[in-house]
Structure formats: structure tokens, C-alpha cells
């Protein structure tokens, strides 16, 4: 993928590679853009030796290198302090935006670890890094005290993972995840997504079997089946992406998550 950022400071000849989203950046301004738009992807591990080395060798910013070294040595709120330090080098955050950004940083810092990981996975989905997102969703679901996270949170993870599997055209896995999401959320939209995935996976028979299992209201069941029958088969290069986008939007509207 690529981004366009107007740079006032000279770009480097050699980029810094952000593995999570397969992105090369060539300036401190591009680094600011990434951090400020992707707090969910900017954990402490992001600010490692490789980034510090790039800042020193390519950006020739020894002042920032020393600041980064001090922050890592202190080991306290590394992400927050690193983001502030990098922004300070460019004056990237406008005064009128600073308060909102500070609130976002503070809210991100106080998130429980599972919620932070879910947001990271959701961000990876936004960049179409589906396999990496599924790895993170599965990490959450493998936690020892999963029930302690609450049915709403667990259902959201299963829902988002199900939609992600569907984006990979792994419909059987999508159906299983969306079934578990429906069991936890008891939301009409989640059940509908699950039935649609079943239809896409195995046609009318799969739809009917799952509707029986979920005890779907007969009137609603017939209406959904007719809608699926009357819709054309999704084009792998286009239609299904729109369909899945609608699933996500409808789900968030219904659940508020």
C-alpha cells in the first residue's frame, strides 16, 4: 500500500519498513502520520532498535535518537512518550487538534490488554492484512480468563474474525465464528450475517440447516432466504467486499461497538 504526505523535510534514500501493514516510509513526517492515525498498531515493541537506527542513520536526527534512548531506558509509558517526542520534532499536531489527540492517547493507554489487541486486529483488517488480524483475534480467544472478558466483548471478537474469514473466502470458518458471535451477542444483525455466510458457503441447504440450528424466526428466515436467492453471486474482486463492508456497518450500528 502507499500513502501521500506533503513533506517539508528531506526524504531519506532508504525507507523504514513497517511490517504490520507492509508499508515503507521515507520521512519523519510520514512516521508522524502513521503513528497519529494508527495508535492501535503503535505498541512499545514498535519503537525498537531498527526504528531508532533508521532515525539516526537515515534521518540524521541525533537529538531524537538520544530522546528515544532515554525513553526506552526509563521504560515508563514508552509508546506515549515516543509519539510525543516524534511529533515534537516536526510540530505535526496543530494546537487546535492537540487536546483531542491527548485524549485519544490517554484512552488508548488505559485500555485493557485484550481490548488493545482487538483494536490492533481491527486496524489490520482495515489495511487488508487479514491473516495477521486473525492471528491477533485468536490470541484473544486463547486467553485463560476468556469468560471474564464478558459476552459482549467475546461476541465482538468472534464477529470481527468471522467477517475477516469471509474476506478470505474461508466461508466455513466464517460461519463457525459468526455462530459463536450470535450465541454471545444475541443480535439480529449477527445472526443475519451468519446465515448469509452459510448461504455463500453451501447454498440453500446450508442456510436452512443453520436457520434450524439457530431457531430463526420463520418469517425472517423466509425473507432472508429470498433476498439471498435474488441477489447475484458475489464477484470475488468486488461485490463481496461491499457486502462484507455492509455487514460491519450494520453490526456496529446495532451494537454500538
C-alpha atoms as a PDB file:
ATOM      1  CA  UNK A   1       0.000   0.000   0.000  1.00  0.00           C
ATOM      2  CA  UNK A   2       1.038   3.638  -0.253  1.00  0.00           C
ATOM      3  CA  UNK A   3       0.267   6.966   1.405  1.00  0.00           C
ATOM      4  CA  UNK A   4       0.737  10.551   0.247  1.00  0.00           C
ATOM      5  CA  UNK A   5       2.127  13.039   2.767  1.00  0.00           C
ATOM      6  CA  UNK A   6       3.409  16.506   1.894  1.00  0.00           C
ATOM      7  CA  UNK A   7       6.943  16.559   3.291  1.00  0.00           C
ATOM      8  CA  UNK A   8       8.824  19.732   4.168  1.00  0.00           C
ATOM      9  CA  UNK A   9      11.849  17.842   5.490  1.00  0.00           C
ATOM     10  CA  UNK A  10      14.107  15.926   3.096  1.00  0.00           C
ATOM     11  CA  UNK A  11      13.054  12.340   2.444  1.00  0.00           C
ATOM     12  CA  UNK A  12      15.536   9.534   3.003  1.00  0.00           C
ATOM     13  CA  UNK A  13      17.018   7.324   0.310  1.00  0.00           C
ATOM     14  CA  UNK A  14      16.325   4.168   2.320  1.00  0.00           C
ATOM     15  CA  UNK A  15      12.878   3.602   3.851  1.00  0.00           C
ATOM     16  CA  UNK A  16      11.813   2.235   7.196  1.00  0.00           C
ATOM     17  CA  UNK A  17       9.654  -0.848   6.647  1.00  0.00           C
ATOM     18  CA  UNK A  18       6.549  -1.190   8.812  1.00  0.00           C
ATOM     19  CA  UNK A  19       5.983  -4.927   8.698  1.00  0.00           C
ATOM     20  CA  UNK A  20       2.458  -4.991  10.155  1.00  0.00           C
ATOM     21  CA  UNK A  21       0.961  -3.248   7.134  1.00  0.00           C
ATOM     22  CA  UNK A  22       3.774  -3.730   4.574  1.00  0.00           C
ATOM     23  CA  UNK A  23       4.444  -0.008   4.351  1.00  0.00           C
ATOM     24  CA  UNK A  24       7.676   1.824   3.532  1.00  0.00           C
ATOM     25  CA  UNK A  25       8.087   5.331   4.941  1.00  0.00           C
ATOM     26  CA  UNK A  26      10.777   7.794   3.881  1.00  0.00           C
ATOM     27  CA  UNK A  27      10.444  10.774   6.233  1.00  0.00           C
ATOM     28  CA  UNK A  28       9.746  11.735   9.816  1.00  0.00           C
ATOM     29  CA  UNK A  29       6.506  13.335   8.618  1.00  0.00           C
ATOM     30  CA  UNK A  30       5.326  10.020   7.194  1.00  0.00           C
ATOM     31  CA  UNK A  31       6.261   8.427  10.517  1.00  0.00           C
ATOM     32  CA  UNK A  32       4.144  11.034  12.317  1.00  0.00           C
ATOM     33  CA  UNK A  33       1.230  10.352  10.003  1.00  0.00           C
ATOM     34  CA  UNK A  34       1.426   6.614  10.635  1.00  0.00           C
ATOM     35  CA  UNK A  35       1.632   6.939  14.420  1.00  0.00           C
ATOM     36  CA  UNK A  36      -1.114   9.534  14.721  1.00  0.00           C
ATOM     37  CA  UNK A  37      -3.543   7.564  12.550  1.00  0.00           C
ATOM     38  CA  UNK A  38      -2.662   4.114  13.867  1.00  0.00           C
ATOM     39  CA  UNK A  39      -2.304   4.250  17.638  1.00  0.00           C
ATOM     40  CA  UNK A  40      -3.665   0.696  17.783  1.00  0.00           C
ATOM     41  CA  UNK A  41      -0.632  -0.528  15.811  1.00  0.00           C
ATOM     42  CA  UNK A  42       1.951   1.513  17.716  1.00  0.00           C
ATOM     43  CA  UNK A  43       2.757  -0.548  20.808  1.00  0.00           C
ATOM     44  CA  UNK A  44       6.013  -0.405  22.766  1.00  0.00           C
ATOM     45  CA  UNK A  45       7.593  -3.053  20.514  1.00  0.00           C
ATOM     46  CA  UNK A  46       7.275  -0.734  17.514  1.00  0.00           C
ATOM     47  CA  UNK A  47       9.933   1.587  18.933  1.00  0.00           C
ATOM     48  CA  UNK A  48      12.777  -0.895  18.741  1.00  0.00           C
ATOM     49  CA  UNK A  49      16.432  -0.783  17.691  1.00  0.00           C
ATOM     50  CA  UNK A  50      15.556  -0.856  13.993  1.00  0.00           C
ATOM     51  CA  UNK A  51      13.434   2.301  14.189  1.00  0.00           C
ATOM     52  CA  UNK A  52      15.984   4.059  16.362  1.00  0.00           C
ATOM     53  CA  UNK A  53      18.737   3.060  13.949  1.00  0.00           C
ATOM     54  CA  UNK A  54      16.780   4.407  10.972  1.00  0.00           C
ATOM     55  CA  UNK A  55      16.187   7.715  12.757  1.00  0.00           C
ATOM     56  CA  UNK A  56      19.916   8.053  13.385  1.00  0.00           C
ATOM     57  CA  UNK A  57      21.334   6.703  10.122  1.00  0.00           C
ATOM     58  CA  UNK A  58      18.745   7.904   7.605  1.00  0.00           C
ATOM     59  CA  UNK A  59      17.097  10.922   9.219  1.00  0.00           C
ATOM     60  CA  UNK A  60      20.402  12.054  10.820  1.00  0.00           C
ATOM     61  CA  UNK A  61      18.427  13.186  13.860  1.00  0.00           C
ATOM     62  CA  UNK A  62      20.744  12.518  16.774  1.00  0.00           C
ATOM     63  CA  UNK A  63      18.654  14.648  19.134  1.00  0.00           C
ATOM     64  CA  UNK A  64      15.654  12.378  18.586  1.00  0.00           C
ATOM     65  CA  UNK A  65      17.859   9.286  18.929  1.00  0.00           C
ATOM     66  CA  UNK A  66      19.043  10.447  22.353  1.00  0.00           C
ATOM     67  CA  UNK A  67      15.459  11.174  23.377  1.00  0.00           C
ATOM     68  CA  UNK A  68      14.373   7.713  22.237  1.00  0.00           C
ATOM     69  CA  UNK A  69      17.232   6.088  24.140  1.00  0.00           C
ATOM     70  CA  UNK A  70      16.212   7.895  27.334  1.00  0.00           C
ATOM     71  CA  UNK A  71      12.569   6.911  26.954  1.00  0.00           C
ATOM     72  CA  UNK A  72      13.453   3.252  26.405  1.00  0.00           C
ATOM     73  CA  UNK A  73      15.842   3.314  29.346  1.00  0.00           C
ATOM     74  CA  UNK A  74      13.179   4.735  31.684  1.00  0.00           C
ATOM     75  CA  UNK A  75      10.657   2.142  30.448  1.00  0.00           C
ATOM     76  CA  UNK A  76       7.573   4.106  31.521  1.00  0.00           C
ATOM     77  CA  UNK A  77       4.705   4.785  29.061  1.00  0.00           C
ATOM     78  CA  UNK A  78       7.090   4.190  26.180  1.00  0.00           C
ATOM     79  CA  UNK A  79       4.513   4.463  23.391  1.00  0.00           C
ATOM     80  CA  UNK A  80       3.011   7.736  24.628  1.00  0.00           C
ATOM     81  CA  UNK A  81       6.379   9.396  25.154  1.00  0.00           C
ATOM     82  CA  UNK A  82       7.752   8.182  21.829  1.00  0.00           C
ATOM     83  CA  UNK A  83       4.759   9.514  19.903  1.00  0.00           C
ATOM     84  CA  UNK A  84       5.054  12.866  21.664  1.00  0.00           C
ATOM     85  CA  UNK A  85       8.807  13.046  21.012  1.00  0.00           C
ATOM     86  CA  UNK A  86       8.461  12.249  17.319  1.00  0.00           C
ATOM     87  CA  UNK A  87       5.627  14.751  16.877  1.00  0.00           C
ATOM     88  CA  UNK A  88       7.663  17.398  18.686  1.00  0.00           C
ATOM     89  CA  UNK A  89      10.404  17.137  16.056  1.00  0.00           C
ATOM     90  CA  UNK A  90       8.035  18.396  13.359  1.00  0.00           C
ATOM     91  CA  UNK A  91       5.324  20.302  15.222  1.00  0.00           C
ATOM     92  CA  UNK A  92       2.957  17.870  13.481  1.00  0.00           C
ATOM     93  CA  UNK A  93      -0.002  18.264  15.835  1.00  0.00           C
ATOM     94  CA  UNK A  94      -1.725  21.618  15.402  1.00  0.00           C
ATOM     95  CA  UNK A  95      -2.686  23.454  18.590  1.00  0.00           C
ATOM     96  CA  UNK A  96      -6.412  23.081  17.874  1.00  0.00           C
ATOM     97  CA  UNK A  97      -6.014  19.299  17.475  1.00  0.00           C
ATOM     98  CA  UNK A  98      -3.761  18.703  20.452  1.00  0.00           C
ATOM     99  CA  UNK A  99      -6.452  18.292  23.102  1.00  0.00           C
ATOM    100  CA  UNK A 100      -8.354  15.676  21.105  1.00  0.00           C
ATOM    101  CA  UNK A 101      -5.140  13.808  20.352  1.00  0.00           C
ATOM    102  CA  UNK A 102      -4.100  13.858  24.023  1.00  0.00           C
ATOM    103  CA  UNK A 103      -7.464  12.381  24.995  1.00  0.00           C
ATOM    104  CA  UNK A 104      -7.086   9.643  22.386  1.00  0.00           C
ATOM    105  CA  UNK A 105      -3.601   8.822  23.666  1.00  0.00           C
ATOM    106  CA  UNK A 106      -4.786   8.678  27.264  1.00  0.00           C
ATOM    107  CA  UNK A 107      -7.773   6.491  26.395  1.00  0.00           C
ATOM    108  CA  UNK A 108      -5.535   4.126  24.430  1.00  0.00           C
ATOM    109  CA  UNK A 109      -3.091   3.850  27.344  1.00  0.00           C
ATOM    110  CA  UNK A 110      -5.811   2.789  29.791  1.00  0.00           C
ATOM    111  CA  UNK A 111      -7.361   0.124  27.570  1.00  0.00           C
ATOM    112  CA  UNK A 112      -7.197  -3.445  28.936  1.00  0.00           C
ATOM    113  CA  UNK A 113      -4.689  -5.587  27.041  1.00  0.00           C
ATOM    114  CA  UNK A 114      -7.370  -7.745  25.290  1.00  0.00           C
ATOM    115  CA  UNK A 115      -9.217  -4.649  24.059  1.00  0.00           C
ATOM    116  CA  UNK A 116      -5.961  -3.135  22.822  1.00  0.00           C
ATOM    117  CA  UNK A 117      -5.235  -6.347  20.924  1.00  0.00           C
ATOM    118  CA  UNK A 118      -8.751  -6.374  19.423  1.00  0.00           C
ATOM    119  CA  UNK A 119      -8.309  -2.822  18.184  1.00  0.00           C
ATOM    120  CA  UNK A 120      -4.965  -3.769  16.700  1.00  0.00           C
ATOM    121  CA  UNK A 121      -6.618  -6.682  14.858  1.00  0.00           C
ATOM    122  CA  UNK A 122      -9.435  -4.422  13.635  1.00  0.00           C
ATOM    123  CA  UNK A 123      -6.840  -1.933  12.359  1.00  0.00           C
ATOM    124  CA  UNK A 124      -5.052  -4.708  10.457  1.00  0.00           C
ATOM    125  CA  UNK A 125      -8.361  -5.653   8.822  1.00  0.00           C
ATOM    126  CA  UNK A 126      -8.674  -2.031   7.713  1.00  0.00           C
ATOM    127  CA  UNK A 127      -5.348  -2.455   5.898  1.00  0.00           C
ATOM    128  CA  UNK A 128      -6.493  -5.817   4.462  1.00  0.00           C
ATOM    129  CA  UNK A 129      -3.914  -7.747   6.472  1.00  0.00           C
ATOM    130  CA  UNK A 130      -6.465 -10.452   7.158  1.00  0.00           C
ATOM    131  CA  UNK A 131      -4.206 -13.350   8.148  1.00  0.00           C
ATOM    132  CA  UNK A 132      -2.344 -11.192  10.668  1.00  0.00           C
ATOM    133  CA  UNK A 133      -5.622  -9.895  12.076  1.00  0.00           C
ATOM    134  CA  UNK A 134      -6.906 -13.443  12.567  1.00  0.00           C
ATOM    135  CA  UNK A 135      -3.719 -14.302  14.473  1.00  0.00           C
ATOM    136  CA  UNK A 136      -4.497 -11.486  16.913  1.00  0.00           C
ATOM    137  CA  UNK A 137      -8.172 -12.426  17.252  1.00  0.00           C
ATOM    138  CA  UNK A 138      -7.099 -15.995  18.031  1.00  0.00           C
ATOM    139  CA  UNK A 139      -4.625 -14.756  20.653  1.00  0.00           C
ATOM    140  CA  UNK A 140      -7.507 -13.061  22.449  1.00  0.00           C
ATOM    141  CA  UNK A 141      -9.683 -16.160  22.285  1.00  0.00           C
ATOM    142  CA  UNK A 142      -6.857 -18.293  23.710  1.00  0.00           C
ATOM    143  CA  UNK A 143      -6.596 -16.222  26.906  1.00  0.00           C
ATOM    144  CA  UNK A 144      -7.085 -18.183  30.127  1.00  0.00           C
ATOM    145  CA  UNK A 145      -9.797 -15.970  31.630  1.00  0.00           C
ATOM    146  CA  UNK A 146     -11.838 -15.602  28.459  1.00  0.00           C
ATOM    147  CA  UNK A 147     -15.199 -15.623  30.256  1.00  0.00           C
ATOM    148  CA  UNK A 148     -14.024 -12.767  32.436  1.00  0.00           C
ATOM    149  CA  UNK A 149     -13.923 -10.533  29.356  1.00  0.00           C
ATOM    150  CA  UNK A 150     -17.709 -10.626  29.064  1.00  0.00           C
ATOM    151  CA  UNK A 151     -20.076 -11.975  26.414  1.00  0.00           C
ATOM    152  CA  UNK A 152     -20.277  -8.658  24.542  1.00  0.00           C
ATOM    153  CA  UNK A 153     -16.518  -8.455  24.065  1.00  0.00           C
ATOM    154  CA  UNK A 154     -16.143 -12.130  23.131  1.00  0.00           C
ATOM    155  CA  UNK A 155     -19.016 -11.863  20.670  1.00  0.00           C
ATOM    156  CA  UNK A 156     -17.438  -8.818  19.057  1.00  0.00           C
ATOM    157  CA  UNK A 157     -14.139 -10.667  18.589  1.00  0.00           C
ATOM    158  CA  UNK A 158     -15.896 -13.650  17.007  1.00  0.00           C
ATOM    159  CA  UNK A 159     -17.980 -11.366  14.802  1.00  0.00           C
ATOM    160  CA  UNK A 160     -14.980  -9.439  13.501  1.00  0.00           C
ATOM    161  CA  UNK A 161     -12.972 -12.617  12.997  1.00  0.00           C
ATOM    162  CA  UNK A 162     -15.886 -14.182  11.116  1.00  0.00           C
ATOM    163  CA  UNK A 163     -16.121 -11.239   8.741  1.00  0.00           C
ATOM    164  CA  UNK A 164     -12.351 -11.397   8.272  1.00  0.00           C
ATOM    165  CA  UNK A 165     -12.511 -15.091   7.357  1.00  0.00           C
ATOM    166  CA  UNK A 166     -15.258 -14.239   4.873  1.00  0.00           C
ATOM    167  CA  UNK A 167     -12.969 -11.668   3.265  1.00  0.00           C
ATOM    168  CA  UNK A 168     -10.515 -14.531   2.730  1.00  0.00           C
ATOM    169  CA  UNK A 169     -13.366 -16.615   1.209  1.00  0.00           C
ATOM    170  CA  UNK A 170     -12.990 -19.155   4.018  1.00  0.00           C
ATOM    171  CA  UNK A 171     -16.738 -19.383   4.494  1.00  0.00           C
ATOM    172  CA  UNK A 172     -16.854 -22.475   6.708  1.00  0.00           C
ATOM    173  CA  UNK A 173     -14.581 -20.750   9.249  1.00  0.00           C
ATOM    174  CA  UNK A 174     -16.641 -17.563   8.864  1.00  0.00           C
ATOM    175  CA  UNK A 175     -19.858 -19.418   9.680  1.00  0.00           C
ATOM    176  CA  UNK A 176     -18.370 -21.038  12.798  1.00  0.00           C
ATOM    177  CA  UNK A 177     -17.113 -17.697  14.111  1.00  0.00           C
ATOM    178  CA  UNK A 178     -20.365 -15.888  13.358  1.00  0.00           C
ATOM    179  CA  UNK A 179     -22.351 -18.659  15.077  1.00  0.00           C
ATOM    180  CA  UNK A 180     -20.326 -18.092  18.248  1.00  0.00           C
ATOM    181  CA  UNK A 181     -20.769 -14.344  17.838  1.00  0.00           C
ATOM    182  CA  UNK A 182     -24.521 -14.824  17.616  1.00  0.00           C
ATOM    183  CA  UNK A 183     -24.529 -17.024  20.730  1.00  0.00           C
ATOM    184  CA  UNK A 184     -22.778 -14.300  22.712  1.00  0.00           C
ATOM    185  CA  UNK A 185     -24.393 -11.169  21.285  1.00  0.00           C
ATOM    186  CA  UNK A 186     -27.958 -12.315  20.563  1.00  0.00           C
ATOM    187  CA  UNK A 187     -28.068  -9.574  17.907  1.00  0.00           C
ATOM    188  CA  UNK A 188     -30.281  -9.885  14.852  1.00  0.00           C
ATOM    189  CA  UNK A 189     -27.619  -8.483  12.558  1.00  0.00           C
ATOM    190  CA  UNK A 190     -25.031 -11.031  13.698  1.00  0.00           C
ATOM    191  CA  UNK A 191     -27.469 -13.873  13.119  1.00  0.00           C
ATOM    192  CA  UNK A 192     -28.260 -12.475   9.676  1.00  0.00           C
ATOM    193  CA  UNK A 193     -24.552 -12.269   8.781  1.00  0.00           C
ATOM    194  CA  UNK A 194     -24.127 -15.860   9.914  1.00  0.00           C
ATOM    195  CA  UNK A 195     -26.983 -17.086   7.739  1.00  0.00           C
ATOM    196  CA  UNK A 196     -25.677 -15.133   4.740  1.00  0.00           C
ATOM    197  CA  UNK A 197     -22.237 -16.688   5.204  1.00  0.00           C
ATOM    198  CA  UNK A 198     -23.851 -20.135   5.356  1.00  0.00           C
ATOM    199  CA  UNK A 199     -25.661 -19.458   2.091  1.00  0.00           C
ATOM    200  CA  UNK A 200     -22.448 -18.280   0.435  1.00  0.00           C
ATOM    201  CA  UNK A 201     -20.691 -21.370   1.781  1.00  0.00           C
ATOM    202  CA  UNK A 202     -23.145 -24.131   0.888  1.00  0.00           C
ATOM    203  CA  UNK A 203     -26.226 -22.660  -0.715  1.00  0.00           C
ATOM    204  CA  UNK A 204     -29.839 -23.069   0.367  1.00  0.00           C
ATOM    205  CA  UNK A 205     -29.297 -26.357   2.195  1.00  0.00           C
ATOM    206  CA  UNK A 206     -26.615 -24.889   4.438  1.00  0.00           C
ATOM    207  CA  UNK A 207     -28.806 -21.843   5.030  1.00  0.00           C
ATOM    208  CA  UNK A 208     -31.797 -23.979   6.055  1.00  0.00           C
ATOM    209  CA  UNK A 209     -29.740 -26.238   8.332  1.00  0.00           C
ATOM    210  CA  UNK A 210     -28.236 -23.275  10.159  1.00  0.00           C
ATOM    211  CA  UNK A 211     -31.588 -21.493  10.410  1.00  0.00           C
ATOM    212  CA  UNK A 212     -32.943 -24.636  12.111  1.00  0.00           C
ATOM    213  CA  UNK A 213     -29.979 -24.697  14.479  1.00  0.00           C
ATOM    214  CA  UNK A 214     -30.327 -21.007  15.351  1.00  0.00           C
ATOM    215  CA  UNK A 215     -34.128 -21.273  15.641  1.00  0.00           C
ATOM    216  CA  UNK A 216     -34.514 -18.275  13.341  1.00  0.00           C
ATOM    217  CA  UNK A 217     -37.976 -16.735  13.222  1.00  0.00           C
ATOM    218  CA  UNK A 218     -39.766 -18.340  10.224  1.00  0.00           C
ATOM    219  CA  UNK A 219     -40.913 -15.060   8.661  1.00  0.00           C
ATOM    220  CA  UNK A 220     -37.468 -13.526   8.953  1.00  0.00           C
ATOM    221  CA  UNK A 221     -35.866 -16.733   7.721  1.00  0.00           C
ATOM    222  CA  UNK A 222     -38.007 -16.790   4.554  1.00  0.00           C
ATOM    223  CA  UNK A 223     -37.345 -13.125   3.869  1.00  0.00           C
ATOM    224  CA  UNK A 224     -33.570 -13.556   4.204  1.00  0.00           C
ATOM    225  CA  UNK A 225     -33.560 -16.631   2.015  1.00  0.00           C
ATOM    226  CA  UNK A 226     -35.480 -14.809  -0.727  1.00  0.00           C
ATOM    227  CA  UNK A 227     -33.048 -11.921  -0.529  1.00  0.00           C
ATOM    228  CA  UNK A 228     -30.108 -14.300  -0.919  1.00  0.00           C
ATOM    229  CA  UNK A 229     -31.744 -16.128  -3.828  1.00  0.00           C
ATOM    230  CA  UNK A 230     -32.488 -12.874  -5.637  1.00  0.00           C
ATOM    231  CA  UNK A 231     -29.006 -11.469  -5.177  1.00  0.00           C
ATOM    232  CA  UNK A 232     -26.385 -12.353  -7.758  1.00  0.00           C
ATOM    233  CA  UNK A 233     -23.381 -14.421  -6.705  1.00  0.00           C
ATOM    234  CA  UNK A 234     -20.702 -12.057  -5.378  1.00  0.00           C
ATOM    235  CA  UNK A 235     -17.756 -11.246  -7.610  1.00  0.00           C
ATOM    236  CA  UNK A 236     -14.537 -12.145  -5.759  1.00  0.00           C
ATOM    237  CA  UNK A 237     -12.950  -8.899  -6.979  1.00  0.00           C
ATOM    238  CA  UNK A 238     -15.738  -6.562  -5.975  1.00  0.00           C
ATOM    239  CA  UNK A 239     -19.224  -7.400  -4.758  1.00  0.00           C
ATOM    240  CA  UNK A 240     -18.260  -9.448  -1.730  1.00  0.00           C
ATOM    241  CA  UNK A 241     -16.111  -6.641  -0.351  1.00  0.00           C
ATOM    242  CA  UNK A 242     -19.128  -4.325  -0.480  1.00  0.00           C
ATOM    243  CA  UNK A 243     -21.311  -6.972   1.124  1.00  0.00           C
ATOM    244  CA  UNK A 244     -18.860  -7.529   3.969  1.00  0.00           C
ATOM    245  CA  UNK A 245     -18.487  -3.798   4.458  1.00  0.00           C
ATOM    246  CA  UNK A 246     -22.245  -3.563   4.884  1.00  0.00           C
ATOM    247  CA  UNK A 247     -22.127  -6.393   7.452  1.00  0.00           C
ATOM    248  CA  UNK A 248     -19.596  -4.479   9.529  1.00  0.00           C
ATOM    249  CA  UNK A 249     -21.502  -1.192   9.320  1.00  0.00           C
ATOM    250  CA  UNK A 250     -24.830  -2.809  10.189  1.00  0.00           C
ATOM    251  CA  UNK A 251     -23.254  -4.666  13.101  1.00  0.00           C
ATOM    252  CA  UNK A 252     -21.702  -1.518  14.561  1.00  0.00           C
ATOM    253  CA  UNK A 253     -24.948   0.410  14.160  1.00  0.00           C
ATOM    254  CA  UNK A 254     -26.866  -2.285  16.034  1.00  0.00           C
ATOM    255  CA  UNK A 255     -24.385  -2.953  18.829  1.00  0.00           C
ATOM    256  CA  UNK A 256     -22.779   0.465  19.210  1.00  0.00           C
ATOM    257  CA  UNK A 257     -19.309  -1.154  19.224  1.00  0.00           C
END
